[in-house]
Amino acid sequence: MKDWKRYERGLHHVGPHWVRFFGDGLIGTAFEKRTAEGSYVWFVTDREQPGARTFGQGLASSIDEAKLLADAAVLDRKRGRVATIEGGLMTSTDRNRRRVDRLLASEALARRLSEDLTTYHRELVAAGDTKTADRVALSLRRAALNGLSDYMRRTAKFRARSGASAASPEEKQADEETVLEIADELDTLADDASASAHTLEILTNKLRQMGAFPDSELYYAAVRSFYLKATT
């Protein structure tokens, strides 16, 4: 993930870990060694020296998630929010806000990764490495579809209905649940090597008919990934 650097012992002298210098004195750390419960520890401090104040900390299910959570904590800081310790008492508004921040961070990662993988695929095809190019095409599909599913989850509450077609609260709730279900299907599609662009079209057409419009950048990256062939 961009701007994170891996250290074998490095700053903390505690084994393999990842560090990111965010600026404004903020430093994020994610440790590769799991806890006894199988989680990854992350935290953000306001300086490198011993005794530095911890701005945010918590547990994650993967190294990438730990980095995203640290990114979200720094986003909180830049927006002037109070430091949050994951797992502590939070209001429903705080939990929803952090969920949105994580989805935004995930979407941003998917966009960067899609761009990088598209360029890498083109270079591999030019070099004649067809086997690796095909694997990269699948990775591109996974990144784009996962990013698209996160976008739909983040915007699931918003419908393009107005006037006579305005939805009732019950209809809005049903629509939101349907969008979330389709987001889950997009994640399943991302992990299916035999999936087709036709299936993606069916799912996104369902969304459009509801007034839920997929992000165009991630959508077109996903569509392209189905047509990338190492021989073209």
Protein backbone atom coordinates (compact mmCIF):
# COMPACT_ATOMS: atom_id res chain seq x y z
CA MET A 1 0.00 0.00 0.00
CA LYS A 2 1.32 3.38 -0.99
CA ASP A 3 3.54 5.28 1.50
CA TRP A 4 3.81 2.36 3.95
CA LYS A 5 7.32 0.95 4.45
CA ARG A 6 8.17 -2.43 5.92
CA TYR A 7 10.83 -2.80 8.63
CA GLU A 8 12.29 -6.04 9.98
CA ARG A 9 12.97 -4.37 13.34
CA GLY A 10 13.41 -0.75 12.49
CA LEU A 11 11.86 1.98 14.62
CA HIS A 12 10.27 -0.19 17.29
CA HIS A 13 12.78 -3.08 17.58
CA VAL A 14 9.94 -5.59 17.90
CA GLY A 15 10.04 -7.66 14.71
CA PRO A 16 8.46 -7.11 11.27
CA HIS A 17 6.10 -4.16 11.06
CA TRP A 18 4.90 -1.45 8.67
CA VAL A 19 5.30 2.30 9.23
CA ARG A 20 3.86 5.36 7.50
CA PHE A 21 4.88 8.98 8.16
CA PHE A 22 1.73 11.01 7.55
CA GLY A 23 3.16 14.49 8.17
CA ASP A 24 2.18 16.88 10.99
CA GLY A 25 4.13 14.60 13.34
CA LEU A 26 1.75 11.63 12.92
CA ILE A 27 3.21 8.14 12.55
CA GLY A 28 1.20 4.99 11.81
CA THR A 29 2.38 1.47 12.66
CA ALA A 30 0.93 -1.95 11.78
CA PHE A 31 2.55 -5.09 13.22
CA GLU A 32 2.86 -8.33 11.23
CA LYS A 33 2.85 -10.59 14.27
CA ARG A 34 -0.71 -11.61 15.19
CA THR A 35 -2.12 -11.47 18.69
CA ALA A 36 -3.16 -14.65 20.49
CA GLU A 37 -6.65 -14.09 19.07
CA GLY A 38 -5.30 -13.87 15.50
CA SER A 39 -5.62 -10.10 15.02
CA TYR A 40 -3.14 -7.49 13.79
CA VAL A 41 -2.33 -4.51 16.03
CA TRP A 42 -2.13 -0.97 14.63
CA PHE A 43 -1.74 2.48 16.19
CA VAL A 44 -1.07 6.10 15.31
CA THR A 45 1.11 8.34 17.50
CA ASP A 46 1.87 12.05 17.34
CA ARG A 47 5.66 11.58 17.33
CA GLU A 48 8.35 8.89 17.22
CA GLN A 49 9.92 9.33 20.65
CA PRO A 50 9.05 7.19 23.70
CA GLY A 51 6.03 8.52 25.57
CA ALA A 52 4.38 9.85 22.40
CA ARG A 53 0.62 10.32 22.66
CA THR A 54 -1.41 7.61 20.95
CA PHE A 55 -4.06 9.18 18.74
CA GLY A 56 -5.75 5.96 17.57
CA GLN A 57 -5.21 2.24 17.95
CA GLY A 58 -7.01 -1.03 17.46
CA LEU A 59 -7.12 -4.51 15.95
CA ALA A 60 -7.64 -5.67 12.36
CA SER A 61 -8.18 -8.96 10.56
CA SER A 62 -5.36 -8.34 8.04
CA ILE A 63 -2.32 -6.14 7.52
CA ASP A 64 -4.07 -4.21 4.74
CA GLU A 65 -7.09 -3.56 6.99
CA ALA A 66 -4.75 -2.39 9.76
CA LYS A 67 -3.22 0.15 7.38
CA LEU A 68 -6.65 1.35 6.25
CA LEU A 69 -7.76 1.79 9.86
CA ALA A 70 -4.64 3.82 10.60
CA ASP A 71 -5.34 5.94 7.52
CA ALA A 72 -8.91 6.52 8.73
CA ALA A 73 -7.64 7.55 12.19
CA VAL A 74 -5.37 10.16 10.62
CA LEU A 75 -8.28 11.39 8.50
CA ASP A 76 -10.17 11.88 11.79
CA ARG A 77 -7.26 13.94 13.14
CA LYS A 78 -7.14 16.15 10.06
CA ARG A 79 -10.87 16.77 10.36
CA GLY A 80 -10.42 17.88 13.96
CA ARG A 81 -12.09 14.87 15.54
CA VAL A 82 -11.31 13.46 18.96
CA ALA A 83 -8.96 10.49 19.10
CA THR A 84 -10.69 7.13 19.00
CA ILE A 85 -9.48 3.85 20.45
CA GLU A 86 -10.93 0.95 18.47
CA GLY A 87 -13.06 -1.31 20.61
CA GLY A 88 -13.91 1.45 23.09
CA LEU A 89 -17.30 3.04 23.63
CA MET A 90 -18.50 4.93 20.54
CA THR A 91 -21.82 6.44 19.55
CA SER A 92 -23.67 5.07 16.53
CA THR A 93 -22.73 8.27 14.68
CA ASP A 94 -19.03 7.68 15.45
CA ARG A 95 -19.26 4.06 14.28
CA ASN A 96 -21.00 5.04 11.05
CA ARG A 97 -18.50 7.83 10.42
CA ARG A 98 -15.57 5.48 10.82
CA ARG A 99 -17.24 2.88 8.61
CA VAL A 100 -17.59 5.49 5.86
CA ASP A 101 -13.96 6.58 6.32
CA ARG A 102 -12.79 2.99 5.94
CA LEU A 103 -14.88 2.50 2.80
CA LEU A 104 -13.47 5.72 1.36
CA ALA A 105 -9.93 4.58 2.10
CA SER A 106 -10.67 1.20 0.51
CA GLU A 107 -12.12 2.85 -2.61
CA ALA A 108 -9.06 5.10 -2.96
CA LEU A 109 -6.79 2.07 -2.69
CA ALA A 110 -8.84 0.24 -5.36
CA ARG A 111 -8.54 3.17 -7.76
CA ARG A 112 -4.76 3.41 -7.39
CA LEU A 113 -4.35 -0.35 -7.63
CA SER A 114 -6.53 -0.56 -10.76
CA GLU A 115 -4.43 2.09 -12.50
CA ASP A 116 -1.15 0.42 -11.52
CA LEU A 117 -2.32 -3.07 -12.56
CA THR A 118 -3.60 -1.83 -15.92
CA THR A 119 -0.19 -0.34 -16.69
CA TYR A 120 1.59 -3.47 -15.43
CA HIS A 121 -0.62 -5.72 -17.59
CA ARG A 122 0.21 -3.66 -20.70
CA GLU A 123 3.93 -3.94 -19.97
CA LEU A 124 3.72 -7.71 -19.46
CA VAL A 125 1.87 -8.22 -22.74
CA ALA A 126 4.49 -6.15 -24.56
CA ALA A 127 7.23 -8.27 -22.96
CA GLY A 128 5.48 -11.51 -23.97
CA ASP A 129 4.89 -12.71 -20.40
CA THR A 130 1.35 -13.95 -21.09
CA LYS A 131 1.03 -16.18 -18.03
CA THR A 132 1.77 -13.37 -15.57
CA ALA A 133 -0.36 -10.94 -17.60
CA ASP A 134 -3.39 -13.21 -17.19
CA ARG A 135 -2.88 -13.38 -13.43
CA VAL A 136 -2.57 -9.59 -13.27
CA ALA A 137 -5.85 -9.26 -15.22
CA LEU A 138 -7.59 -11.32 -12.53
CA SER A 139 -6.02 -9.18 -9.80
CA LEU A 140 -7.25 -6.06 -11.58
CA ARG A 141 -10.77 -7.50 -11.73
CA ARG A 142 -10.67 -8.27 -8.01
CA ALA A 143 -9.42 -4.79 -7.08
CA ALA A 144 -11.98 -2.98 -9.23
CA LEU A 145 -14.96 -5.09 -8.16
CA ASN A 146 -14.04 -4.93 -4.46
CA GLY A 147 -13.70 -1.15 -4.75
CA LEU A 148 -17.05 -0.95 -6.58
CA SER A 149 -18.78 -3.02 -3.90
CA ASP A 150 -17.41 -0.72 -1.17
CA TYR A 151 -18.65 2.31 -3.10
CA MET A 152 -22.16 0.82 -3.28
CA ARG A 153 -22.13 0.06 0.45
CA ARG A 154 -21.09 3.62 1.24
CA THR A 155 -23.86 5.12 -0.93
CA ALA A 156 -26.54 2.51 -0.24
CA LYS A 157 -28.83 5.02 1.51
CA PHE A 158 -29.02 7.39 -1.45
CA ARG A 159 -31.62 6.88 -4.19
CA ALA A 160 -32.39 9.00 -7.21
CA ARG A 161 -36.13 9.17 -6.48
CA SER A 162 -38.11 12.37 -6.25
CA GLY A 163 -41.55 13.87 -6.83
CA ALA A 164 -44.29 11.34 -7.47
CA SER A 165 -41.75 8.50 -7.38
CA ALA A 166 -40.35 9.48 -3.94
CA ALA A 167 -39.88 6.39 -1.80
CA SER A 168 -41.54 5.74 1.53
CA PRO A 169 -39.31 4.93 4.55
CA GLU A 170 -40.15 1.25 4.09
CA GLU A 171 -39.21 1.37 0.40
CA LYS A 172 -35.96 3.17 1.21
CA GLN A 173 -35.06 0.47 3.72
CA ALA A 174 -35.86 -2.27 1.20
CA ASP A 175 -33.80 -0.49 -1.47
CA GLU A 176 -30.83 -0.14 0.87
CA GLU A 177 -30.95 -3.84 1.73
CA THR A 178 -31.08 -4.72 -1.98
CA VAL A 179 -28.06 -2.53 -2.75
CA LEU A 180 -26.10 -4.17 0.08
CA GLU A 181 -27.03 -7.61 -1.25
CA ILE A 182 -25.80 -6.64 -4.72
CA ALA A 183 -22.57 -5.31 -3.17
CA ASP A 184 -22.06 -8.78 -1.64
CA GLU A 185 -22.65 -10.32 -5.08
CA LEU A 186 -20.00 -8.03 -6.57
CA ASP A 187 -17.53 -9.31 -3.96
CA THR A 188 -18.43 -12.89 -4.90
CA LEU A 189 -17.93 -12.03 -8.57
CA ALA A 190 -14.49 -10.61 -7.75
CA ASP A 191 -13.36 -13.99 -6.41
CA ASP A 192 -14.83 -16.05 -9.28
CA ALA A 193 -12.19 -16.60 -11.99
CA SER A 194 -14.88 -17.96 -14.35
CA ALA A 195 -17.20 -14.93 -13.98
CA SER A 196 -18.27 -12.95 -17.05
CA ALA A 197 -18.82 -9.31 -17.90
CA HIS A 198 -22.45 -10.21 -18.61
CA THR A 199 -23.00 -11.02 -14.93
CA LEU A 200 -21.51 -7.66 -13.98
CA GLU A 201 -23.89 -5.93 -16.40
CA ILE A 202 -26.90 -7.69 -14.88
CA LEU A 203 -25.94 -6.57 -11.38
CA THR A 204 -25.15 -2.96 -12.32
CA ASN A 205 -28.33 -2.67 -14.40
CA LYS A 206 -30.33 -3.69 -11.30
CA LEU A 207 -28.63 -0.88 -9.42
CA ARG A 208 -29.34 1.70 -12.11
CA GLN A 209 -33.00 0.73 -12.29
CA MET A 210 -33.23 1.50 -8.57
CA GLY A 211 -31.55 4.87 -9.01
CA ALA A 212 -28.29 3.64 -7.45
CA PHE A 213 -25.48 4.50 -9.86
CA PRO A 214 -22.09 2.71 -9.68
CA ASP A 215 -18.93 4.80 -9.63
CA SER A 216 -17.96 5.18 -13.31
CA GLU A 217 -14.18 4.90 -12.81
CA LEU A 218 -14.35 1.65 -10.86
CA TYR A 219 -17.12 0.28 -13.08
CA TYR A 220 -15.15 0.77 -16.31
CA ALA A 221 -12.00 -0.63 -14.70
CA ALA A 222 -13.99 -3.76 -13.80
CA VAL A 223 -15.47 -4.04 -17.31
CA ARG A 224 -12.03 -3.67 -18.92
CA SER A 225 -10.62 -6.40 -16.70
CA PHE A 226 -12.99 -8.98 -18.20
CA TYR A 227 -11.71 -8.24 -21.70
CA LEU A 228 -7.99 -8.10 -20.95
CA LYS A 229 -6.35 -10.97 -22.73
CA ALA A 230 -2.65 -11.60 -22.69
CA THR A 231 -2.70 -12.23 -26.45
CA THR A 232 -4.17 -8.82 -27.38
